C-alpha atoms as a PDB file:
ATOM      1  CA  UNK A   1      -0.024   0.032  -0.073  1.00  0.00           C
ATOM      2  CA  UNK A   2       1.210   3.464  -0.757  1.00  0.00           C
ATOM      3  CA  UNK A   3       2.649   5.694   1.882  1.00  0.00           C
ATOM      4  CA  UNK A   4       1.997   9.523   1.770  1.00  0.00           C
ATOM      5  CA  UNK A   5       2.517  12.812   3.643  1.00  0.00           C
ATOM      6  CA  UNK A   6      -0.029  15.428   3.799  1.00  0.00           C
ATOM      7  CA  UNK A   7       0.515  19.048   2.655  1.00  0.00           C
ATOM      8  CA  UNK A   8      -1.725  21.964   2.567  1.00  0.00           C
ATOM      9  CA  UNK A   9      -0.461  25.262   1.894  1.00  0.00           C
ATOM     10  CA  UNK A  10      -2.041  28.419   3.349  1.00  0.00           C
ATOM     11  CA  UNK A  11      -2.915  31.664   2.007  1.00  0.00           C
ATOM     12  CA  UNK A  12      -3.898  30.583  -1.449  1.00  0.00           C
ATOM     13  CA  UNK A  13      -6.988  31.903  -2.837  1.00  0.00           C
ATOM     14  CA  UNK A  14      -9.873  29.347  -2.544  1.00  0.00           C
ATOM     15  CA  UNK A  15     -12.301  30.617  -5.147  1.00  0.00           C
ATOM     16  CA  UNK A  16     -12.682  29.786  -8.813  1.00  0.00           C
ATOM     17  CA  UNK A  17     -14.394  27.511 -11.407  1.00  0.00           C
ATOM     18  CA  UNK A  18     -13.134  24.171 -11.711  1.00  0.00           C
ATOM     19  CA  UNK A  19     -15.708  22.531 -14.075  1.00  0.00           C
ATOM     20  CA  UNK A  20     -14.404  20.280 -16.545  1.00  0.00           C
ATOM     21  CA  UNK A  21     -15.374  20.896 -20.156  1.00  0.00           C
ATOM     22  CA  UNK A  22     -16.797  17.193 -20.333  1.00  0.00           C
ATOM     23  CA  UNK A  23     -20.067  17.921 -18.467  1.00  0.00           C
ATOM     24  CA  UNK A  24     -21.855  20.646 -16.407  1.00  0.00           C
ATOM     25  CA  UNK A  25     -21.503  18.827 -12.992  1.00  0.00           C
ATOM     26  CA  UNK A  26     -17.938  17.333 -13.337  1.00  0.00           C
ATOM     27  CA  UNK A  27     -15.217  19.215 -11.433  1.00  0.00           C
ATOM     28  CA  UNK A  28     -11.559  19.234 -12.282  1.00  0.00           C
ATOM     29  CA  UNK A  29     -10.307  18.526  -8.475  1.00  0.00           C
ATOM     30  CA  UNK A  30      -6.648  18.595 -10.048  1.00  0.00           C
ATOM     31  CA  UNK A  31      -7.041  22.129 -11.047  1.00  0.00           C
ATOM     32  CA  UNK A  32      -8.578  22.932  -7.788  1.00  0.00           C
ATOM     33  CA  UNK A  33      -5.594  21.323  -5.899  1.00  0.00           C
ATOM     34  CA  UNK A  34      -2.905  22.891  -7.920  1.00  0.00           C
ATOM     35  CA  UNK A  35      -4.653  26.409  -7.404  1.00  0.00           C
ATOM     36  CA  UNK A  36      -4.635  26.077  -3.542  1.00  0.00           C
ATOM     37  CA  UNK A  37      -1.084  24.874  -3.341  1.00  0.00           C
ATOM     38  CA  UNK A  38      -1.507  20.932  -2.751  1.00  0.00           C
ATOM     39  CA  UNK A  39       1.152  18.912  -4.288  1.00  0.00           C
ATOM     40  CA  UNK A  40       1.071  15.259  -5.278  1.00  0.00           C
ATOM     41  CA  UNK A  41       2.004  13.164  -2.253  1.00  0.00           C
ATOM     42  CA  UNK A  42       1.290   9.515  -3.518  1.00  0.00           C
ATOM     43  CA  UNK A  43       2.337   8.074  -6.499  1.00  0.00           C
ATOM     44  CA  UNK A  44       1.384   4.443  -7.705  1.00  0.00           C
ATOM     45  CA  UNK A  45       2.551   2.244 -10.467  1.00  0.00           C
ATOM     46  CA  UNK A  46       0.216   0.283 -12.609  1.00  0.00           C
ATOM     47  CA  UNK A  47      -1.423  -2.617 -10.415  1.00  0.00           C
ATOM     48  CA  UNK A  48      -0.576  -1.112  -7.133  1.00  0.00           C
ATOM     49  CA  UNK A  49      -3.294  -0.782  -4.734  1.00  0.00           C
ATOM     50  CA  UNK A  50      -4.003   2.558  -2.931  1.00  0.00           C
ATOM     51  CA  UNK A  51      -6.287   0.951  -0.464  1.00  0.00           C
ATOM     52  CA  UNK A  52      -8.323  -2.119  -0.072  1.00  0.00           C
ATOM     53  CA  UNK A  53     -12.052  -2.447   0.797  1.00  0.00           C
ATOM     54  CA  UNK A  54     -12.287  -2.896   4.514  1.00  0.00           C
ATOM     55  CA  UNK A  55      -9.231  -0.668   5.351  1.00  0.00           C
ATOM     56  CA  UNK A  56      -9.407   2.102   7.656  1.00  0.00           C
ATOM     57  CA  UNK A  57     -10.354   5.336   6.008  1.00  0.00           C
ATOM     58  CA  UNK A  58      -8.721   8.479   6.857  1.00  0.00           C
ATOM     59  CA  UNK A  59      -8.250  10.680   3.709  1.00  0.00           C
ATOM     60  CA  UNK A  60      -9.692  11.253   0.125  1.00  0.00           C
ATOM     61  CA  UNK A  61      -7.363  11.520  -2.645  1.00  0.00           C
ATOM     62  CA  UNK A  62      -7.488  13.760  -5.929  1.00  0.00           C
ATOM     63  CA  UNK A  63      -6.285  12.100  -8.979  1.00  0.00           C
ATOM     64  CA  UNK A  64      -3.539  14.573 -10.366  1.00  0.00           C
ATOM     65  CA  UNK A  65      -2.334  12.223 -13.026  1.00  0.00           C
ATOM     66  CA  UNK A  66      -3.249   8.625 -14.259  1.00  0.00           C
ATOM     67  CA  UNK A  67      -6.307   6.343 -14.142  1.00  0.00           C
ATOM     68  CA  UNK A  68      -7.442   4.239 -11.078  1.00  0.00           C
ATOM     69  CA  UNK A  69      -9.943   1.449 -10.860  1.00  0.00           C
ATOM     70  CA  UNK A  70     -12.469   1.364  -8.137  1.00  0.00           C
ATOM     71  CA  UNK A  71     -13.661  -2.100  -7.333  1.00  0.00           C
ATOM     72  CA  UNK A  72     -15.679  -3.948  -4.798  1.00  0.00           C
ATOM     73  CA  UNK A  73     -14.813  -7.712  -4.952  1.00  0.00           C
ATOM     74  CA  UNK A  74     -14.429  -8.655  -8.538  1.00  0.00           C
ATOM     75  CA  UNK A  75     -16.938  -5.650  -9.884  1.00  0.00           C
ATOM     76  CA  UNK A  76     -15.644  -2.695 -11.350  1.00  0.00           C
ATOM     77  CA  UNK A  77     -17.560   0.222  -9.842  1.00  0.00           C
ATOM     78  CA  UNK A  78     -15.860   3.342 -11.560  1.00  0.00           C
ATOM     79  CA  UNK A  79     -12.602   4.302 -13.534  1.00  0.00           C
ATOM     80  CA  UNK A  80     -11.304   7.407 -12.218  1.00  0.00           C
ATOM     81  CA  UNK A  81      -9.033   9.627 -14.278  1.00  0.00           C
ATOM     82  CA  UNK A  82      -6.943  12.817 -13.691  1.00  0.00           C
ATOM     83  CA  UNK A  83      -8.896  15.372 -12.245  1.00  0.00           C
ATOM     84  CA  UNK A  84     -11.222  13.020 -10.305  1.00  0.00           C
ATOM     85  CA  UNK A  85     -11.709  12.217  -6.608  1.00  0.00           C
ATOM     86  CA  UNK A  86     -11.726   8.980  -4.654  1.00  0.00           C
ATOM     87  CA  UNK A  87     -12.155   8.092  -1.048  1.00  0.00           C
ATOM     88  CA  UNK A  88     -14.323  10.927  -0.216  1.00  0.00           C
ATOM     89  CA  UNK A  89     -16.793   8.912   1.922  1.00  0.00           C
ATOM     90  CA  UNK A  90     -13.836   8.677   4.449  1.00  0.00           C
ATOM     91  CA  UNK A  91     -14.224  12.057   5.409  1.00  0.00           C
ATOM     92  CA  UNK A  92     -17.996  12.228   5.134  1.00  0.00           C
ATOM     93  CA  UNK A  93     -18.932   9.100   7.020  1.00  0.00           C
ATOM     94  CA  UNK A  94     -16.291   9.131   9.773  1.00  0.00           C
ATOM     95  CA  UNK A  95     -14.917   5.819  11.419  1.00  0.00           C
ATOM     96  CA  UNK A  96     -16.296   3.528   8.833  1.00  0.00           C
ATOM     97  CA  UNK A  97     -14.186   1.304   6.691  1.00  0.00           C
ATOM     98  CA  UNK A  98     -13.439   1.844   2.949  1.00  0.00           C
ATOM     99  CA  UNK A  99     -16.176   0.568   0.855  1.00  0.00           C
ATOM    100  CA  UNK A 100     -14.076  -0.298  -2.071  1.00  0.00           C
ATOM    101  CA  UNK A 101     -10.650  -1.000  -3.218  1.00  0.00           C
ATOM    102  CA  UNK A 102      -8.588   1.220  -5.505  1.00  0.00           C
ATOM    103  CA  UNK A 103      -5.997   0.064  -7.773  1.00  0.00           C
ATOM    104  CA  UNK A 104      -3.917   1.795 -10.134  1.00  0.00           C
ATOM    105  CA  UNK A 105      -4.549   1.265 -13.819  1.00  0.00           C
ATOM    106  CA  UNK A 106      -1.710   3.280 -14.955  1.00  0.00           C
ATOM    107  CA  UNK A 107       1.038   5.240 -13.295  1.00  0.00           C
ATOM    108  CA  UNK A 108      -0.846   7.648 -10.942  1.00  0.00           C
ATOM    109  CA  UNK A 109       0.112  10.851  -8.906  1.00  0.00           C
ATOM    110  CA  UNK A 110      -2.289  11.763  -6.194  1.00  0.00           C
ATOM    111  CA  UNK A 111      -3.153  14.486  -3.876  1.00  0.00           C
ATOM    112  CA  UNK A 112      -4.068  13.294  -0.360  1.00  0.00           C
ATOM    113  CA  UNK A 113      -6.432  15.332   1.815  1.00  0.00           C
ATOM    114  CA  UNK A 114      -6.880  14.163   5.348  1.00  0.00           C
ATOM    115  CA  UNK A 115      -9.948  15.204   7.711  1.00  0.00           C
ATOM    116  CA  UNK A 116      -8.312  18.420   9.133  1.00  0.00           C
ATOM    117  CA  UNK A 117      -7.368  19.636   5.630  1.00  0.00           C
ATOM    118  CA  UNK A 118     -10.875  18.783   4.175  1.00  0.00           C
ATOM    119  CA  UNK A 119     -12.591  20.742   6.899  1.00  0.00           C
ATOM    120  CA  UNK A 120     -10.317  23.711   6.204  1.00  0.00           C
ATOM    121  CA  UNK A 121     -11.168  23.596   2.520  1.00  0.00           C
ATOM    122  CA  UNK A 122     -14.836  23.398   3.249  1.00  0.00           C
ATOM    123  CA  UNK A 123     -14.537  26.306   5.528  1.00  0.00           C
ATOM    124  CA  UNK A 124     -12.398  28.344   3.033  1.00  0.00           C
ATOM    125  CA  UNK A 125     -13.929  27.210  -0.345  1.00  0.00           C
ATOM    126  CA  UNK A 126     -17.863  26.281   0.169  1.00  0.00           C
ATOM    127  CA  UNK A 127     -17.663  25.549  -3.512  1.00  0.00           C
ATOM    128  CA  UNK A 128     -15.152  22.544  -2.724  1.00  0.00           C
ATOM    129  CA  UNK A 129     -18.051  20.718  -0.298  1.00  0.00           C
ATOM    130  CA  UNK A 130     -20.511  21.337  -3.180  1.00  0.00           C
ATOM    131  CA  UNK A 131     -17.923  19.661  -5.789  1.00  0.00           C
ATOM    132  CA  UNK A 132     -17.497  16.860  -3.344  1.00  0.00           C
ATOM    133  CA  UNK A 133     -21.361  16.447  -2.895  1.00  0.00           C
ATOM    134  CA  UNK A 134     -21.871  16.387  -6.694  1.00  0.00           C
ATOM    135  CA  UNK A 135     -19.220  13.527  -7.023  1.00  0.00           C
ATOM    136  CA  UNK A 136     -21.263  11.558  -4.395  1.00  0.00           C
ATOM    137  CA  UNK A 137     -24.663  12.333  -5.819  1.00  0.00           C
ATOM    138  CA  UNK A 138     -23.513  11.299  -9.137  1.00  0.00           C
ATOM    139  CA  UNK A 139     -22.054   8.003  -7.828  1.00  0.00           C
ATOM    140  CA  UNK A 140     -25.358   7.326  -5.966  1.00  0.00           C
ATOM    141  CA  UNK A 141     -27.487   7.835  -9.276  1.00  0.00           C
ATOM    142  CA  UNK A 142     -25.387   5.683 -11.225  1.00  0.00           C
ATOM    143  CA  UNK A 143     -25.560   2.878  -8.636  1.00  0.00           C
ATOM    144  CA  UNK A 144     -29.399   3.441  -8.506  1.00  0.00           C
ATOM    145  CA  UNK A 145     -29.599   3.181 -12.111  1.00  0.00           C
ATOM    146  CA  UNK A 146     -27.306  -0.155 -12.134  1.00  0.00           C
ATOM    147  CA  UNK A 147     -29.447  -1.735  -9.449  1.00  0.00           C
ATOM    148  CA  UNK A 148     -33.044  -0.644 -10.139  1.00  0.00           C
ATOM    149  CA  UNK A 149     -35.244  -3.502 -10.933  1.00  0.00           C
ATOM    150  CA  UNK A 150     -36.390  -3.481 -14.530  1.00  0.00           C
ATOM    151  CA  UNK A 151     -39.753  -1.959 -14.886  1.00  0.00           C
ATOM    152  CA  UNK A 152     -42.644  -4.338 -16.003  1.00  0.00           C
ATOM    153  CA  UNK A 153     -44.702  -3.321 -19.027  1.00  0.00           C
ATOM    154  CA  UNK A 154     -48.468  -3.462 -18.329  1.00  0.00           C
END
């Protein structure tokens, strides 16, 4: 499992628009991390595991570079690319183990955000909290669609 140190610089402006060109509600968390002065603290080689389902959860990660696969058991839940976010549930649903495993599909560089930095970001940049909630809402909608019973025709 990858080891990381956590760094959040202070004094950087925390406002701005981080929407990707790919969709109205998709945010580029890597651009946000760069603007506020975070730097990549974790790097993974292809096939390396960031964390496993059931592990203790203490941080979220912003994907600065690369592609990661989120899995539960043998099921692929999502593929997260540069600019994406993983592990956010760790900071919202405290003291609950990881709900999925994350494996690097390619070489990846990640920004680690622990609970204290997360709370500072939310206080200093309310848009950051909204961006995280959008990710969680999108993922919940996708899971709802995947597991919704098929409607019967009358």
